[in-house]
PDB file of all heavy atoms in Angstrom:
ATOM      1  N   MET A   1     -11.264  12.716   5.432  1.00  0.00           N
ATOM      2  CA  MET A   1     -10.594  11.785   4.527  1.00  0.00           C
ATOM      3  C   MET A   1     -11.461  11.494   3.305  1.00  0.00           C
ATOM      4  O   MET A   1     -10.962  11.395   2.179  1.00  0.00           O
ATOM      5  CB  MET A   1     -10.262  10.486   5.263  1.00  0.00           C
ATOM      6  CG  MET A   1      -9.230  10.647   6.381  1.00  0.00           C
ATOM      7  SD  MET A   1      -7.684  11.402   5.809  1.00  0.00           S
ATOM      8  CE  MET A   1      -7.174  10.240   4.561  1.00  0.00           C
ATOM      9  N   ASP A   2     -12.762  11.376   3.518  1.00  0.00           N
ATOM     10  CA  ASP A   2     -13.660  11.145   2.382  1.00  0.00           C
ATOM     11  C   ASP A   2     -13.620  12.328   1.416  1.00  0.00           C
ATOM     12  O   ASP A   2     -13.636  12.137   0.187  1.00  0.00           O
ATOM     13  CB  ASP A   2     -15.088  10.925   2.877  1.00  0.00           C
ATOM     14  CG  ASP A   2     -15.238   9.605   3.622  1.00  0.00           C
ATOM     15  OD1 ASP A   2     -14.384   8.723   3.429  1.00  0.00           O
ATOM     16  OD2 ASP A   2     -16.198   9.465   4.403  1.00  0.00           O
ATOM     17  N   GLN A   3     -13.573  13.547   1.955  1.00  0.00           N
ATOM     18  CA  GLN A   3     -13.527  14.738   1.101  1.00  0.00           C
ATOM     19  C   GLN A   3     -12.214  14.813   0.327  1.00  0.00           C
ATOM     20  O   GLN A   3     -12.197  15.131  -0.867  1.00  0.00           O
ATOM     21  CB  GLN A   3     -13.701  16.002   1.959  1.00  0.00           C
ATOM     22  CG  GLN A   3     -15.079  16.151   2.584  1.00  0.00           C
ATOM     23  CD  GLN A   3     -16.157  16.451   1.565  1.00  0.00           C
ATOM     24  OE1 GLN A   3     -15.906  17.103   0.553  1.00  0.00           O
ATOM     25  NE2 GLN A   3     -17.349  15.946   1.807  1.00  0.00           N
ATOM     26  N   GLU A   4     -11.103  14.509   0.997  1.00  0.00           N
ATOM     27  CA  GLU A   4      -9.802  14.622   0.357  1.00  0.00           C
ATOM     28  C   GLU A   4      -9.571  13.544  -0.703  1.00  0.00           C
ATOM     29  O   GLU A   4      -8.763  13.742  -1.610  1.00  0.00           O
ATOM     30  CB  GLU A   4      -8.695  14.537   1.419  1.00  0.00           C
ATOM     31  CG  GLU A   4      -8.597  15.760   2.308  1.00  0.00           C
ATOM     32  CD  GLU A   4      -8.210  17.002   1.520  1.00  0.00           C
ATOM     33  OE1 GLU A   4      -7.291  16.920   0.690  1.00  0.00           O
ATOM     34  OE2 GLU A   4      -8.852  18.052   1.717  1.00  0.00           O
ATOM     35  N   CYS A   5     -10.273  12.417  -0.587  1.00  0.00           N
ATOM     36  CA  CYS A   5     -10.065  11.306  -1.528  1.00  0.00           C
ATOM     37  C   CYS A   5     -11.091  11.291  -2.655  1.00  0.00           C
ATOM     38  O   CYS A   5     -11.182  10.296  -3.388  1.00  0.00           O
ATOM     39  CB  CYS A   5     -10.111   9.976  -0.771  1.00  0.00           C
ATOM     40  SG  CYS A   5      -8.745   9.770   0.404  1.00  0.00           S
ATOM     41  N   ARG A   6     -11.845  12.369  -2.808  1.00  0.00           N
ATOM     42  CA  ARG A   6     -12.826  12.405  -3.898  1.00  0.00           C
ATOM     43  C   ARG A   6     -12.168  12.452  -5.269  1.00  0.00           C
ATOM     44  O   ARG A   6     -12.798  12.106  -6.270  1.00  0.00           O
ATOM     45  CB  ARG A   6     -13.743  13.624  -3.731  1.00  0.00           C
ATOM     46  CG  ARG A   6     -14.691  13.554  -2.549  1.00  0.00           C
ATOM     47  CD  ARG A   6     -15.580  14.767  -2.494  1.00  0.00           C
ATOM     48  NE  ARG A   6     -14.806  15.993  -2.397  1.00  0.00           N
ATOM     49  CZ  ARG A   6     -15.346  17.213  -2.412  1.00  0.00           C
ATOM     50  NH1 ARG A   6     -16.649  17.359  -2.552  1.00  0.00           N
ATOM     51  NH2 ARG A   6     -14.578  18.278  -2.301  1.00  0.00           N
ATOM     52  N   SER A   7     -10.909  12.863  -5.343  1.00  0.00           N
ATOM     53  CA  SER A   7     -10.221  12.936  -6.634  1.00  0.00           C
ATOM     54  C   SER A   7      -9.571  11.616  -7.037  1.00  0.00           C
ATOM     55  O   SER A   7      -8.994  11.526  -8.120  1.00  0.00           O
ATOM     56  CB  SER A   7      -9.148  14.030  -6.592  1.00  0.00           C
ATOM     57  OG  SER A   7      -8.167  13.740  -5.603  1.00  0.00           O
ATOM     58  N   ALA A   8      -9.656  10.578  -6.187  1.00  0.00           N
ATOM     59  CA  ALA A   8      -9.014   9.296  -6.497  1.00  0.00           C
ATOM     60  C   ALA A   8      -9.539   8.660  -7.783  1.00  0.00           C
ATOM     61  O   ALA A   8      -8.744   8.088  -8.551  1.00  0.00           O
ATOM     62  CB  ALA A   8      -9.178   8.334  -5.314  1.00  0.00           C
ATOM     63  N   PRO A   9     -10.846   8.714  -8.102  1.00  0.00           N
ATOM     64  CA  PRO A   9     -11.291   8.118  -9.374  1.00  0.00           C
ATOM     65  C   PRO A   9     -10.648   8.766 -10.589  1.00  0.00           C
ATOM     66  O   PRO A   9     -10.289   8.077 -11.550  1.00  0.00           O
ATOM     67  CB  PRO A   9     -12.814   8.350  -9.357  1.00  0.00           C
ATOM     68  CG  PRO A   9     -13.164   8.482  -7.923  1.00  0.00           C
ATOM     69  CD  PRO A   9     -11.995   9.150  -7.286  1.00  0.00           C
ATOM     70  N   ALA A  10     -10.491  10.087 -10.573  1.00  0.00           N
ATOM     71  CA  ALA A  10      -9.868  10.769 -11.708  1.00  0.00           C
ATOM     72  C   ALA A  10      -8.359  10.547 -11.725  1.00  0.00           C
ATOM     73  O   ALA A  10      -7.741  10.544 -12.791  1.00  0.00           O
ATOM     74  CB  ALA A  10     -10.188  12.268 -11.659  1.00  0.00           C
ATOM     75  N   ARG A  11      -7.758  10.347 -10.565  1.00  0.00           N
ATOM     76  CA  ARG A  11      -6.304  10.142 -10.503  1.00  0.00           C
ATOM     77  C   ARG A  11      -5.920   8.711 -10.898  1.00  0.00           C
ATOM     78  O   ARG A  11      -5.060   8.491 -11.750  1.00  0.00           O
ATOM     79  CB  ARG A  11      -5.798  10.405  -9.081  1.00  0.00           C
ATOM     80  CG  ARG A  11      -5.773  11.853  -8.653  1.00  0.00           C
ATOM     81  CD  ARG A  11      -5.497  11.915  -7.164  1.00  0.00           C
ATOM     82  NE  ARG A  11      -5.310  13.272  -6.680  1.00  0.00           N
ATOM     83  CZ  ARG A  11      -4.138  13.836  -6.444  1.00  0.00           C
ATOM     84  NH1 ARG A  11      -3.032  13.154  -6.651  1.00  0.00           N
ATOM     85  NH2 ARG A  11      -4.050  15.072  -5.992  1.00  0.00           N
ATOM     86  N   TYR A  12      -6.564   7.739 -10.218  1.00  0.00           N
ATOM     87  CA  TYR A  12      -6.105   6.361 -10.311  1.00  0.00           C
ATOM     88  C   TYR A  12      -7.167   5.385 -10.806  1.00  0.00           C
ATOM     89  O   TYR A  12      -6.894   4.192 -10.933  1.00  0.00           O
ATOM     90  CB  TYR A  12      -5.605   5.881  -8.941  1.00  0.00           C
ATOM     91  CG  TYR A  12      -4.704   6.871  -8.249  1.00  0.00           C
ATOM     92  CD1 TYR A  12      -5.088   7.488  -7.069  1.00  0.00           C
ATOM     93  CD2 TYR A  12      -3.470   7.202  -8.796  1.00  0.00           C
ATOM     94  CE1 TYR A  12      -4.266   8.409  -6.434  1.00  0.00           C
ATOM     95  CE2 TYR A  12      -2.636   8.110  -8.166  1.00  0.00           C
ATOM     96  CZ  TYR A  12      -3.042   8.718  -6.986  1.00  0.00           C
ATOM     97  OH  TYR A  12      -2.231   9.622  -6.367  1.00  0.00           O
ATOM     98  N   GLY A  13      -8.395   5.842 -11.048  1.00  0.00           N
ATOM     99  CA  GLY A  13      -9.446   4.934 -11.476  1.00  0.00           C
ATOM    100  C   GLY A  13     -10.001   4.082 -10.357  1.00  0.00           C
ATOM    101  O   GLY A  13     -10.612   3.034 -10.610  1.00  0.00           O
ATOM    102  N   VAL A  14      -9.820   4.505  -9.117  1.00  0.00           N
ATOM    103  CA  VAL A  14     -10.304   3.777  -7.949  1.00  0.00           C
ATOM    104  C   VAL A  14     -11.155   4.725  -7.111  1.00  0.00           C
ATOM    105  O   VAL A  14     -10.718   5.831  -6.783  1.00  0.00           O
ATOM    106  CB  VAL A  14      -9.141   3.221  -7.096  1.00  0.00           C
ATOM    107  CG1 VAL A  14      -9.681   2.490  -5.874  1.00  0.00           C
ATOM    108  CG2 VAL A  14      -8.278   2.292  -7.934  1.00  0.00           C
ATOM    109  N   THR A  15     -12.359   4.292  -6.777  1.00  0.00           N
ATOM    110  CA  THR A  15     -13.268   5.100  -5.976  1.00  0.00           C
ATOM    111  C   THR A  15     -13.218   4.631  -4.530  1.00  0.00           C
ATOM    112  O   THR A  15     -13.430   3.436  -4.254  1.00  0.00           O
ATOM    113  CB  THR A  15     -14.707   4.985  -6.495  1.00  0.00           C
ATOM    114  OG1 THR A  15     -14.754   5.438  -7.849  1.00  0.00           O
ATOM    115  CG2 THR A  15     -15.652   5.827  -5.655  1.00  0.00           C
ATOM    116  N   LEU A  16     -12.934   5.538  -3.611  1.00  0.00           N
ATOM    117  CA  LEU A  16     -12.949   5.226  -2.187  1.00  0.00           C
ATOM    118  C   LEU A  16     -14.359   5.506  -1.664  1.00  0.00           C
ATOM    119  O   LEU A  16     -14.757   6.654  -1.497  1.00  0.00           O
ATOM    120  CB  LEU A  16     -11.917   6.071  -1.447  1.00  0.00           C
ATOM    121  CG  LEU A  16     -10.449   5.775  -1.793  1.00  0.00           C
ATOM    122  CD1 LEU A  16      -9.528   6.731  -1.064  1.00  0.00           C
ATOM    123  CD2 LEU A  16     -10.088   4.345  -1.449  1.00  0.00           C
ATOM    124  N   ASP A  17     -15.116   4.435  -1.426  1.00  0.00           N
ATOM    125  CA  ASP A  17     -16.494   4.603  -0.967  1.00  0.00           C
ATOM    126  C   ASP A  17     -16.549   5.183   0.437  1.00  0.00           C
ATOM    127  O   ASP A  17     -17.399   6.020   0.740  1.00  0.00           O
ATOM    128  CB  ASP A  17     -17.229   3.261  -0.997  1.00  0.00           C
ATOM    129  CG  ASP A  17     -17.614   2.874  -2.417  1.00  0.00           C
ATOM    130  OD1 ASP A  17     -17.642   3.779  -3.273  1.00  0.00           O
ATOM    131  OD2 ASP A  17     -17.869   1.698  -2.670  1.00  0.00           O
ATOM    132  N   ALA A  18     -15.680   4.745   1.301  1.00  0.00           N
ATOM    133  CA  ALA A  18     -15.688   5.230   2.683  1.00  0.00           C
ATOM    134  C   ALA A  18     -14.393   4.824   3.368  1.00  0.00           C
ATOM    135  O   ALA A  18     -13.782   3.798   3.037  1.00  0.00           O
ATOM    136  CB  ALA A  18     -16.882   4.675   3.461  1.00  0.00           C
ATOM    137  N   SER A  19     -13.995   5.655   4.307  1.00  0.00           N
ATOM    138  CA  SER A  19     -12.873   5.323   5.187  1.00  0.00           C
ATOM    139  C   SER A  19     -13.393   5.315   6.613  1.00  0.00           C
ATOM    140  O   SER A  19     -14.102   6.225   7.028  1.00  0.00           O
ATOM    141  CB  SER A  19     -11.742   6.351   5.036  1.00  0.00           C
ATOM    142  OG  SER A  19     -12.193   7.644   5.377  1.00  0.00           O
ATOM    143  N   LEU A  20     -13.055   4.278   7.340  1.00  0.00           N
ATOM    144  CA  LEU A  20     -13.559   4.122   8.701  1.00  0.00           C
ATOM    145  C   LEU A  20     -12.377   3.917   9.640  1.00  0.00           C
ATOM    146  O   LEU A  20     -11.844   2.808   9.765  1.00  0.00           O
ATOM    147  CB  LEU A  20     -14.523   2.937   8.784  1.00  0.00           C
ATOM    148  CG  LEU A  20     -15.186   2.701  10.143  1.00  0.00           C
ATOM    149  CD1 LEU A  20     -16.009   3.918  10.546  1.00  0.00           C
ATOM    150  CD2 LEU A  20     -16.034   1.448  10.117  1.00  0.00           C
ATOM    151  N   ILE A  21     -11.961   5.008  10.289  1.00  0.00           N
ATOM    152  CA  ILE A  21     -10.901   4.940  11.292  1.00  0.00           C
ATOM    153  C   ILE A  21     -11.565   4.585  12.614  1.00  0.00           C
ATOM    154  O   ILE A  21     -12.380   5.345  13.140  1.00  0.00           O
ATOM    155  CB  ILE A  21     -10.154   6.277  11.386  1.00  0.00           C
ATOM    156  CG1 ILE A  21      -9.567   6.643  10.017  1.00  0.00           C
ATOM    157  CG2 ILE A  21      -9.048   6.199  12.430  1.00  0.00           C
ATOM    158  CD1 ILE A  21      -8.979   8.028   9.956  1.00  0.00           C
ATOM    159  N   THR A  22     -11.253   3.428  13.143  1.00  0.00           N
ATOM    160  CA  THR A  22     -11.967   2.917  14.315  1.00  0.00           C
ATOM    161  C   THR A  22     -11.207   3.077  15.622  1.00  0.00           C
ATOM    162  O   THR A  22     -11.825   3.059  16.691  1.00  0.00           O
ATOM    163  CB  THR A  22     -12.281   1.421  14.119  1.00  0.00           C
ATOM    164  OG1 THR A  22     -11.066   0.710  13.863  1.00  0.00           O
ATOM    165  CG2 THR A  22     -13.222   1.229  12.935  1.00  0.00           C
ATOM    166  N   GLY A  23      -9.880   3.216  15.577  1.00  0.00           N
ATOM    167  CA  GLY A  23      -9.131   3.287  16.826  1.00  0.00           C
ATOM    168  C   GLY A  23      -7.885   4.126  16.710  1.00  0.00           C
ATOM    169  O   GLY A  23      -7.235   4.170  15.660  1.00  0.00           O
ATOM    170  N   ILE A  24      -7.587   4.846  17.803  1.00  0.00           N
ATOM    171  CA  ILE A  24      -6.356   5.633  17.908  1.00  0.00           C
ATOM    172  C   ILE A  24      -5.708   5.259  19.234  1.00  0.00           C
ATOM    173  O   ILE A  24      -6.257   5.544  20.308  1.00  0.00           O
ATOM    174  CB  ILE A  24      -6.642   7.142  17.850  1.00  0.00           C
ATOM    175  CG1 ILE A  24      -7.292   7.499  16.504  1.00  0.00           C
ATOM    176  CG2 ILE A  24      -5.371   7.944  18.056  1.00  0.00           C
ATOM    177  CD1 ILE A  24      -7.649   8.968  16.369  1.00  0.00           C
ATOM    178  N   ASP A  25      -4.574   4.585  19.171  1.00  0.00           N
ATOM    179  CA  ASP A  25      -3.916   4.068  20.365  1.00  0.00           C
ATOM    180  C   ASP A  25      -2.643   4.853  20.644  1.00  0.00           C
ATOM    181  O   ASP A  25      -1.714   4.843  19.828  1.00  0.00           O
ATOM    182  CB  ASP A  25      -3.568   2.591  20.188  1.00  0.00           C
ATOM    183  CG  ASP A  25      -4.809   1.750  19.886  1.00  0.00           C
ATOM    184  OD1 ASP A  25      -5.853   2.039  20.489  1.00  0.00           O
ATOM    185  OD2 ASP A  25      -4.717   0.840  19.045  1.00  0.00           O
ATOM    186  N   PRO A  26      -2.569   5.543  21.789  1.00  0.00           N
ATOM    187  CA  PRO A  26      -1.348   6.279  22.135  1.00  0.00           C
ATOM    188  C   PRO A  26      -0.274   5.328  22.642  1.00  0.00           C
ATOM    189  O   PRO A  26      -0.546   4.159  22.933  1.00  0.00           O
ATOM    190  CB  PRO A  26      -1.820   7.212  23.249  1.00  0.00           C
ATOM    191  CG  PRO A  26      -2.926   6.455  23.905  1.00  0.00           C
ATOM    192  CD  PRO A  26      -3.612   5.679  22.803  1.00  0.00           C
ATOM    193  N   PRO A  27       0.961   5.810  22.760  1.00  0.00           N
ATOM    194  CA  PRO A  27       2.022   4.975  23.337  1.00  0.00           C
ATOM    195  C   PRO A  27       1.680   4.585  24.769  1.00  0.00           C
ATOM    196  O   PRO A  27       1.013   5.346  25.495  1.00  0.00           O
ATOM    197  CB  PRO A  27       3.251   5.898  23.292  1.00  0.00           C
ATOM    198  CG  PRO A  27       2.928   6.905  22.235  1.00  0.00           C
ATOM    199  CD  PRO A  27       1.453   7.114  22.293  1.00  0.00           C
ATOM    200  N   PRO A  28       2.106   3.415  25.232  1.00  0.00           N
ATOM    201  CA  PRO A  28       1.761   2.971  26.598  1.00  0.00           C
ATOM    202  C   PRO A  28       2.241   3.929  27.674  1.00  0.00           C
ATOM    203  O   PRO A  28       1.591   4.080  28.716  1.00  0.00           O
ATOM    204  CB  PRO A  28       2.462   1.606  26.707  1.00  0.00           C
ATOM    205  CG  PRO A  28       2.647   1.149  25.296  1.00  0.00           C
ATOM    206  CD  PRO A  28       2.863   2.403  24.492  1.00  0.00           C
TER     207      PRO A  28
END
């Protein structure tokens, strides 16, 4: 996700410093 969002500053003027996905919950 960090690699894919490197173009965000040139696209939208917003820099994504980091994305932290902490949990993946399956259906019960």
